[in-house]
N, C-alpha and C. Protein backbone atom coordinates (compact mmCIF):
# COMPACT_ATOMS: atom_id res chain seq x y z
N MET A 1 -15.60 -8.36 -15.20
CA MET A 1 -14.75 -7.36 -14.62
C MET A 1 -16.08 -6.74 -13.45
N GLU A 2 -15.08 -6.25 -12.22
CA GLU A 2 -16.05 -5.96 -11.06
C GLU A 2 -16.13 -4.41 -11.36
N HIS A 3 -16.96 -3.46 -10.89
CA HIS A 3 -16.80 -2.31 -10.46
C HIS A 3 -17.14 -1.06 -8.84
N TYR A 4 -16.27 -0.57 -9.05
CA TYR A 4 -16.56 -0.10 -7.37
C TYR A 4 -15.82 1.81 -7.98
N GLY A 5 -16.84 2.35 -7.19
CA GLY A 5 -17.47 3.64 -7.14
C GLY A 5 -17.44 4.17 -5.92
N THR A 6 -16.18 5.12 -5.33
CA THR A 6 -16.74 5.67 -4.54
C THR A 6 -16.10 7.34 -4.41
N GLU A 7 -16.65 8.44 -3.33
CA GLU A 7 -16.69 9.90 -3.51
C GLU A 7 -16.54 10.60 -2.01
N ILE A 8 -15.57 11.02 -1.87
CA ILE A 8 -15.89 11.91 -0.82
C ILE A 8 -15.61 13.69 -0.68
N ARG A 9 -16.17 14.57 0.09
CA ARG A 9 -16.12 15.66 -0.02
C ARG A 9 -14.92 16.12 1.21
N ILE A 10 -13.76 17.21 0.51
CA ILE A 10 -13.17 17.49 0.74
C ILE A 10 -13.22 18.92 1.26
N GLU A 11 -13.01 19.08 2.19
CA GLU A 11 -13.04 20.74 2.88
C GLU A 11 -11.76 21.53 2.24
N ALA A 12 -11.35 21.93 1.01
CA ALA A 12 -10.06 22.75 0.81
C ALA A 12 -10.53 22.91 -0.64
N PRO A 13 -9.65 23.80 -1.32
CA PRO A 13 -9.74 24.13 -2.70
C PRO A 13 -9.50 23.13 -3.82
N ILE A 14 -10.36 23.14 -4.88
CA ILE A 14 -9.48 22.07 -5.87
C ILE A 14 -7.72 22.21 -5.73
N GLU A 15 -7.07 23.21 -6.20
CA GLU A 15 -5.91 23.43 -6.08
C GLU A 15 -5.24 22.64 -5.44
N HIS A 16 -5.58 22.56 -4.00
CA HIS A 16 -4.64 22.13 -3.18
C HIS A 16 -5.23 20.67 -3.06
N VAL A 17 -6.19 20.19 -2.78
CA VAL A 17 -6.50 18.57 -3.31
C VAL A 17 -5.93 17.77 -4.10
N TRP A 18 -5.94 18.46 -5.88
CA TRP A 18 -4.87 17.98 -6.78
C TRP A 18 -3.30 18.02 -6.22
N ALA A 19 -2.74 18.66 -5.71
CA ALA A 19 -1.13 18.98 -5.93
C ALA A 19 -1.38 17.96 -4.31
N TYR A 20 -1.82 17.60 -3.25
CA TYR A 20 -2.19 16.82 -2.65
C TYR A 20 -1.71 15.50 -2.34
N TYR A 21 -3.07 15.13 -3.66
CA TYR A 21 -3.02 13.56 -4.38
C TYR A 21 -1.29 13.25 -5.33
N CYS A 22 -1.61 14.35 -5.99
CA CYS A 22 -0.67 14.15 -6.85
C CYS A 22 1.33 13.91 -6.80
N ASP A 23 1.33 14.37 -5.08
CA ASP A 23 2.40 14.32 -4.41
C ASP A 23 2.32 13.10 -3.74
N THR A 24 3.01 11.51 -4.46
CA THR A 24 3.13 10.53 -3.85
C THR A 24 4.15 10.43 -2.77
N SER A 25 4.93 11.65 -2.55
CA SER A 25 5.49 11.04 -1.23
C SER A 25 4.92 11.43 -0.09
N HIS A 26 3.18 11.85 -0.33
CA HIS A 26 2.28 11.67 1.03
C HIS A 26 1.42 10.32 0.99
N TRP A 27 1.23 9.47 -0.30
CA TRP A 27 0.68 8.31 -0.78
C TRP A 27 0.66 7.24 0.98
N ALA A 28 1.63 7.11 1.31
CA ALA A 28 2.12 6.19 2.00
C ALA A 28 1.17 6.48 3.78
N ASP A 29 0.77 7.79 3.51
CA ASP A 29 0.14 8.52 5.00
C ASP A 29 -1.04 7.97 4.94
N TRP A 30 -1.72 8.16 4.13
CA TRP A 30 -3.36 7.69 3.53
C TRP A 30 -3.70 6.25 3.24
N MET A 31 -2.85 5.35 2.61
CA MET A 31 -2.62 4.51 1.82
C MET A 31 -2.50 3.01 2.50
N GLN A 32 -3.37 2.99 3.80
CA GLN A 32 -2.85 1.88 4.76
C GLN A 32 -2.91 0.80 4.54
N GLY A 33 -2.06 0.02 4.93
CA GLY A 33 -1.85 -1.43 4.28
C GLY A 33 -1.44 -1.85 2.89
N GLY A 34 -1.07 -0.84 2.60
CA GLY A 34 -0.24 -0.95 0.84
C GLY A 34 0.78 -0.28 1.18
N THR A 35 1.40 -0.19 -0.56
CA THR A 35 2.61 0.58 -0.39
C THR A 35 2.70 0.83 -2.02
N VAL A 36 3.28 1.77 -2.40
CA VAL A 36 3.75 2.21 -3.60
C VAL A 36 5.45 2.52 -4.18
N SER A 37 5.66 1.87 -4.94
CA SER A 37 7.31 2.27 -5.11
C SER A 37 7.49 1.96 -6.93
N ASP A 38 8.75 2.36 -7.11
CA ASP A 38 9.10 2.22 -8.38
C ASP A 38 8.50 3.47 -9.22
N VAL A 39 8.29 4.49 -8.61
CA VAL A 39 7.50 5.42 -9.44
C VAL A 39 8.46 6.59 -10.29
N SER A 40 8.18 6.90 -11.66
CA SER A 40 8.70 6.69 -13.07
C SER A 40 8.71 8.04 -12.62
N GLY A 41 7.77 9.19 -11.84
CA GLY A 41 7.88 10.65 -12.56
C GLY A 41 6.75 10.95 -12.07
N PRO A 42 6.63 12.52 -12.26
CA PRO A 42 5.33 13.11 -11.30
C PRO A 42 4.05 12.12 -11.94
N TYR A 43 3.79 12.11 -10.21
CA TYR A 43 1.99 11.55 -11.13
C TYR A 43 1.38 12.10 -11.89
N ASP A 44 0.98 13.26 -11.94
CA ASP A 44 -0.10 13.87 -13.07
C ASP A 44 0.68 13.95 -14.76
N GLN A 45 1.50 13.30 -14.75
CA GLN A 45 2.14 13.43 -15.88
C GLN A 45 1.90 11.78 -16.83
N VAL A 46 1.29 11.96 -17.91
CA VAL A 46 0.50 10.69 -18.82
C VAL A 46 2.08 9.80 -18.45
N GLY A 47 1.79 8.69 -18.77
CA GLY A 47 3.52 7.93 -18.96
C GLY A 47 3.73 7.75 -18.04
N THR A 48 3.77 8.25 -16.89
CA THR A 48 4.61 7.80 -15.17
C THR A 48 3.59 6.23 -14.57
N THR A 49 4.71 5.36 -14.18
CA THR A 49 4.09 4.49 -13.70
C THR A 49 4.58 4.10 -12.41
N TYR A 50 3.78 3.07 -11.65
CA TYR A 50 4.85 3.00 -9.98
C TYR A 50 3.42 1.49 -9.84
N VAL A 51 4.18 0.89 -9.31
CA VAL A 51 4.07 -0.32 -8.41
C VAL A 51 3.18 -0.07 -7.19
N GLY A 52 1.75 -0.90 -7.51
CA GLY A 52 1.03 -0.76 -5.86
C GLY A 52 1.58 -2.04 -5.34
N THR A 53 1.51 -2.18 -3.82
CA THR A 53 1.14 -3.25 -3.49
C THR A 53 0.95 -3.53 -2.42
N VAL A 54 -0.05 -4.53 -2.04
CA VAL A 54 -0.87 -4.86 -1.03
C VAL A 54 -0.76 -6.60 -0.43
N ARG A 55 -1.30 -6.84 0.53
CA ARG A 55 -1.37 -8.11 1.00
C ARG A 55 -2.80 -8.39 1.47
N PHE A 56 -3.21 -9.71 1.55
CA PHE A 56 -4.12 -9.93 1.72
C PHE A 56 -5.08 -11.32 2.16
N LEU A 57 -4.79 -11.80 3.51
CA LEU A 57 -4.52 -13.29 3.71
C LEU A 57 -3.30 -13.33 3.89
N GLY A 58 -1.99 -13.46 3.60
CA GLY A 58 -1.01 -13.77 3.15
C GLY A 58 -0.48 -13.40 1.62
N HIS A 59 -1.42 -13.33 0.72
CA HIS A 59 -1.31 -12.96 -0.39
C HIS A 59 -0.64 -12.45 -0.85
N GLU A 60 0.24 -11.89 -1.71
CA GLU A 60 0.88 -10.36 -2.09
C GLU A 60 0.24 -9.96 -3.58
N MET A 61 -0.27 -8.91 -3.51
CA MET A 61 -1.18 -8.46 -4.95
C MET A 61 -0.14 -7.25 -5.56
N LYS A 62 0.62 -7.68 -6.47
CA LYS A 62 1.71 -6.50 -7.01
C LYS A 62 1.11 -5.90 -8.28
N VAL A 63 0.40 -4.17 -8.41
CA VAL A 63 0.25 -4.15 -9.66
C VAL A 63 1.13 -2.99 -10.21
N THR A 64 1.09 -3.13 -11.36
CA THR A 64 1.86 -1.89 -12.12
C THR A 64 0.96 -0.96 -12.88
N TYR A 65 0.80 0.17 -12.25
CA TYR A 65 -0.14 1.20 -12.74
C TYR A 65 0.76 1.58 -13.84
N ARG A 66 0.02 2.74 -14.97
CA ARG A 66 0.47 3.81 -16.00
C ARG A 66 -0.57 4.71 -16.09
N VAL A 67 0.06 5.87 -15.64
CA VAL A 67 -1.25 6.98 -16.64
C VAL A 67 -1.32 7.21 -17.66
N VAL A 68 -2.80 6.97 -17.92
CA VAL A 68 -2.37 7.12 -19.45
C VAL A 68 -3.50 8.81 -19.88
N GLY A 69 -4.15 8.81 -18.98
CA GLY A 69 -4.86 10.45 -19.36
C GLY A 69 -4.28 11.90 -18.33
N VAL A 70 -4.33 12.63 -18.45
CA VAL A 70 -4.38 14.01 -17.00
C VAL A 70 -5.29 14.98 -18.19
N GLU A 71 -6.10 15.38 -17.23
CA GLU A 71 -7.28 16.73 -17.13
C GLU A 71 -6.22 17.44 -16.14
N PRO A 72 -5.18 18.54 -16.10
CA PRO A 72 -5.29 19.07 -15.13
C PRO A 72 -6.42 19.43 -14.01
N LEU A 73 -6.46 19.46 -13.53
CA LEU A 73 -7.30 19.54 -11.90
C LEU A 73 -8.76 19.07 -12.34
N ARG A 74 -8.89 18.17 -12.67
CA ARG A 74 -10.09 17.30 -13.12
C ARG A 74 -10.18 16.36 -13.68
N LEU A 75 -8.90 15.50 -13.90
CA LEU A 75 -9.10 13.76 -14.02
C LEU A 75 -7.91 13.02 -14.21
N ILE A 76 -7.28 12.25 -13.78
CA ILE A 76 -6.56 10.87 -13.91
C ILE A 76 -7.10 10.28 -14.66
N ARG A 77 -6.46 9.17 -15.52
CA ARG A 77 -6.82 7.97 -15.59
C ARG A 77 -5.59 6.92 -15.41
N GLU A 78 -5.76 5.92 -14.72
CA GLU A 78 -4.62 4.76 -14.72
C GLU A 78 -5.09 3.49 -15.46
N HIS A 79 -4.11 2.85 -15.79
CA HIS A 79 -4.66 1.99 -16.35
C HIS A 79 -3.39 0.41 -16.20
N SER A 80 -3.45 -0.49 -15.83
CA SER A 80 -2.85 -1.69 -15.47
C SER A 80 -3.18 -3.18 -16.31
N ASP A 81 -1.82 -3.52 -16.89
CA ASP A 81 -2.51 -4.98 -17.65
C ASP A 81 -2.41 -6.19 -16.76
N ASP A 82 -2.23 -6.00 -15.27
CA ASP A 82 -1.94 -7.03 -13.94
C ASP A 82 -3.76 -6.86 -13.54
N GLY A 83 -4.66 -7.41 -13.82
CA GLY A 83 -5.71 -7.83 -13.67
C GLY A 83 -6.26 -8.28 -14.45
N PRO A 84 -6.73 -7.07 -15.60
CA PRO A 84 -6.35 -5.91 -16.07
C PRO A 84 -7.19 -4.77 -14.57
N VAL A 85 -6.77 -3.67 -14.38
CA VAL A 85 -7.48 -2.45 -13.65
C VAL A 85 -7.83 -1.35 -14.83
N ASP A 86 -8.54 -1.04 -14.98
CA ASP A 86 -8.67 0.53 -15.13
C ASP A 86 -9.43 1.87 -14.10
N ASN A 87 -8.82 2.87 -13.46
CA ASN A 87 -8.87 3.40 -12.52
C ASN A 87 -9.80 4.75 -12.99
N VAL A 88 -10.08 5.93 -12.74
CA VAL A 88 -10.22 7.15 -13.44
C VAL A 88 -10.49 8.03 -11.88
N VAL A 89 -9.72 9.13 -11.67
CA VAL A 89 -9.83 9.58 -10.48
C VAL A 89 -10.15 11.09 -10.61
N ARG A 90 -11.54 11.49 -10.19
CA ARG A 90 -12.21 12.82 -10.98
C ARG A 90 -12.08 13.72 -9.54
N PHE A 91 -11.48 14.90 -9.83
CA PHE A 91 -12.00 16.54 -9.18
C PHE A 91 -12.63 17.40 -9.71
N GLU A 92 -14.01 17.27 -8.36
CA GLU A 92 -15.06 18.31 -8.87
C GLU A 92 -14.88 19.39 -7.81
N PRO A 93 -14.77 20.50 -8.68
CA PRO A 93 -15.34 21.66 -7.56
C PRO A 93 -16.92 21.22 -7.03
N ASP A 94 -16.43 21.82 -5.48
CA ASP A 94 -17.70 22.02 -4.81
C ASP A 94 -17.97 23.14 -3.84
N GLY A 95 -18.17 24.23 -4.49
CA GLY A 95 -18.25 25.44 -3.57
C GLY A 95 -16.89 25.87 -3.24
N ALA A 96 -16.26 26.31 -2.33
CA ALA A 96 -15.18 26.27 -1.63
C ALA A 96 -14.67 24.71 -1.44
N ALA A 97 -14.91 23.90 -1.49
CA ALA A 97 -14.62 22.38 -1.76
C ALA A 97 -14.51 21.47 -2.63
N THR A 98 -13.83 20.42 -2.35
CA THR A 98 -13.37 19.46 -3.84
C THR A 98 -14.00 18.30 -3.52
N ARG A 99 -14.90 17.91 -4.60
CA ARG A 99 -15.53 15.85 -4.80
C ARG A 99 -14.46 15.61 -5.19
N LEU A 100 -14.01 14.34 -4.70
CA LEU A 100 -12.58 13.40 -4.82
C LEU A 100 -13.49 12.06 -5.12
N VAL A 101 -13.34 11.86 -6.25
CA VAL A 101 -14.44 10.65 -6.80
C VAL A 101 -13.30 9.85 -7.23
N ILE A 102 -13.22 8.40 -7.22
CA ILE A 102 -12.85 7.24 -7.95
C ILE A 102 -13.57 6.42 -8.60
N GLU A 103 -13.29 5.80 -9.42
CA GLU A 103 -13.80 4.88 -10.24
C GLU A 103 -12.81 3.92 -10.49
N SER A 104 -13.05 2.34 -10.33
CA SER A 104 -12.11 1.25 -10.95
C SER A 104 -13.18 0.40 -11.04
N ASP A 105 -12.62 -0.13 -12.55
CA ASP A 105 -12.60 -2.24 -13.09
C ASP A 105 -11.55 -2.56 -13.17
N TYR A 106 -11.71 -3.63 -12.32
CA TYR A 106 -10.65 -4.57 -12.47
C TYR A 106 -11.27 -5.95 -12.34
N GLU A 107 -10.33 -6.55 -12.52
CA GLU A 107 -10.41 -7.88 -12.66
C GLU A 107 -9.31 -8.78 -12.07
N LEU A 108 -9.30 -9.20 -10.74
CA LEU A 108 -8.68 -9.74 -9.74
C LEU A 108 -7.50 -10.95 -10.31
N PRO A 109 -6.28 -11.25 -10.01
CA PRO A 109 -4.97 -11.53 -10.93
C PRO A 109 -5.36 -13.77 -10.77
N ALA A 110 -5.18 -13.90 -12.06
CA ALA A 110 -5.34 -15.43 -12.24
C ALA A 110 -5.61 -16.54 -10.84
N HIS A 111 -3.96 -15.85 -10.51
CA HIS A 111 -3.25 -17.22 -9.82
C HIS A 111 -4.05 -16.91 -8.11
N LEU A 112 -4.64 -15.97 -7.77
CA LEU A 112 -4.98 -15.48 -6.72
C LEU A 112 -6.48 -17.05 -6.32
N PRO A 113 -6.57 -17.46 -5.28
CA PRO A 113 -7.14 -18.51 -4.98
C PRO A 113 -8.93 -18.17 -4.76
N GLY A 114 -9.66 -18.84 -5.48
CA GLY A 114 -10.92 -18.21 -5.73
C GLY A 114 -11.67 -17.65 -4.20
N PHE A 115 -11.67 -18.17 -2.94
CA PHE A 115 -12.02 -18.09 -1.78
C PHE A 115 -11.61 -16.38 -1.65
N ILE A 116 -9.94 -16.28 -2.23
CA ILE A 116 -9.80 -14.80 -1.72
C ILE A 116 -10.16 -13.26 -2.99
N LYS A 117 -10.73 -14.10 -3.64
CA LYS A 117 -11.35 -13.32 -4.47
C LYS A 117 -12.93 -13.00 -4.38
N ASP A 118 -13.32 -14.36 -3.88
CA ASP A 118 -14.53 -13.95 -3.16
C ASP A 118 -14.62 -12.80 -2.30
N LEU A 119 -13.78 -13.18 -1.20
CA LEU A 119 -13.72 -12.25 -0.02
C LEU A 119 -13.60 -10.70 -0.47
N VAL A 120 -12.90 -10.74 -1.39
CA VAL A 120 -11.99 -9.38 -1.94
C VAL A 120 -13.24 -8.66 -2.55
N LYS A 121 -13.81 -9.33 -3.78
CA LYS A 121 -15.06 -8.39 -4.26
C LYS A 121 -16.03 -7.78 -3.41
N LYS A 122 -16.68 -9.03 -2.27
CA LYS A 122 -17.53 -8.69 -0.81
C LYS A 122 -17.01 -7.96 -0.10
N GLY A 123 -16.70 -6.76 0.09
CA GLY A 123 -16.59 -5.75 0.72
C GLY A 123 -15.14 -5.20 1.22
N TRP A 124 -14.61 -5.99 1.07
CA TRP A 124 -12.98 -5.53 1.62
C TRP A 124 -12.19 -4.59 0.91
N MET A 125 -12.35 -4.50 -0.75
CA MET A 125 -12.11 -3.71 -1.48
C MET A 125 -12.95 -2.51 -1.19
N THR A 126 -14.37 -2.39 -1.21
CA THR A 126 -14.96 -1.24 -0.37
C THR A 126 -14.46 -0.50 1.14
N ARG A 127 -14.53 -1.76 1.75
CA ARG A 127 -14.26 -1.10 3.03
C ARG A 127 -12.58 -0.19 2.75
N ARG A 128 -11.55 -0.83 2.22
CA ARG A 128 -10.03 -0.44 1.93
C ARG A 128 -10.50 0.93 1.70
N MET A 129 -10.76 0.53 0.24
CA MET A 129 -11.12 2.47 -0.47
C MET A 129 -11.33 3.38 -0.08
N ASP A 130 -12.78 3.20 0.96
CA ASP A 130 -13.35 4.18 1.92
C ASP A 130 -12.70 4.61 2.89
N GLN A 131 -11.79 3.74 3.36
CA GLN A 131 -11.28 4.46 4.60
C GLN A 131 -9.78 4.99 4.08
N MET A 132 -9.41 4.89 2.72
CA MET A 132 -8.39 5.43 2.50
C MET A 132 -9.13 7.39 2.07
N LEU A 133 -9.73 6.88 1.57
CA LEU A 133 -10.24 8.43 1.20
C LEU A 133 -10.57 9.04 2.46
N GLU A 134 -11.17 8.59 3.71
CA GLU A 134 -11.56 9.47 5.01
C GLU A 134 -9.91 9.12 5.26
N ASP A 135 -8.74 9.22 5.24
CA ASP A 135 -7.95 9.18 5.71
C ASP A 135 -6.85 10.52 5.09
N PHE A 136 -7.32 10.68 3.66
CA PHE A 136 -6.74 11.29 2.55
C PHE A 136 -7.36 12.59 2.52
N LYS A 137 -8.98 12.59 3.08
CA LYS A 137 -9.41 13.80 3.35
C LYS A 137 -8.92 14.53 4.79
N ALA A 138 -8.95 13.52 5.80
CA ALA A 138 -8.35 14.63 6.97
C ALA A 138 -7.00 14.95 7.00
N LEU A 139 -5.91 14.19 5.95
CA LEU A 139 -4.49 15.18 5.89
C LEU A 139 -4.48 16.22 4.46
N ALA A 140 -5.42 16.20 3.67
CA ALA A 140 -5.62 17.15 2.61
C ALA A 140 -6.09 18.37 3.53
N GLU A 141 -7.31 18.49 3.91
CA GLU A 141 -7.89 19.89 4.92
C GLU A 141 -6.80 20.28 6.24
N ALA A 142 -6.23 19.52 6.45
CA ALA A 142 -5.39 19.41 7.90
C ALA A 142 -4.11 20.27 7.21
N THR A 143 -3.59 19.98 5.85
CA THR A 143 -2.88 20.81 5.61
C THR A 143 -2.86 21.77 4.62
N ALA A 144 -4.67 22.68 4.35
CA ALA A 144 -5.42 23.18 3.46
C ALA A 144 -4.69 24.44 3.66
N PRO A 145 -4.37 25.55 2.55
CA PRO A 145 -4.30 26.71 3.12
C PRO A 145 -5.37 27.47 3.70
N VAL A 146 -5.29 28.17 4.41
CA VAL A 146 -6.04 28.69 5.61
C VAL A 146 -6.40 30.38 4.70
N PRO A 147 -7.57 30.90 4.19
CA PRO A 147 -7.96 31.56 3.68
C PRO A 147 -8.12 32.68 4.54
N ALA A 148 -7.31 33.75 3.80
CA ALA A 148 -6.92 35.54 4.55
C ALA A 148 -7.51 36.12 4.71
């Protein structure tokens, strides 16, 4: 299995960052290059499932995720047998801001050709996730409530 981890500091209170992240209607705005479909319920509830799809060099990767753990305002765990994949999304207070940390342990699907697996492992995943977090940060900060 491969491991990926990244984090970003968002200038917004943890309650706002949590709510914005858990609102799947915003995901298309910051998950560039991918789509999410078939969301079965609120993202912050154990048992919710969704399908994530991304295309890479003409190959479609489709993964069905299930939320397997939730600690409100702190943590969301996801799992997929496709791959397999285990994701942990952590929300940590950082003064008036929030640190968003994402860690993933994954194995790329067996049906993908070896050269694609090598390309994905050697930077594509890192660049894609870092860009998604930058996009998420910009949107979450732009929609954060202004302190009175």
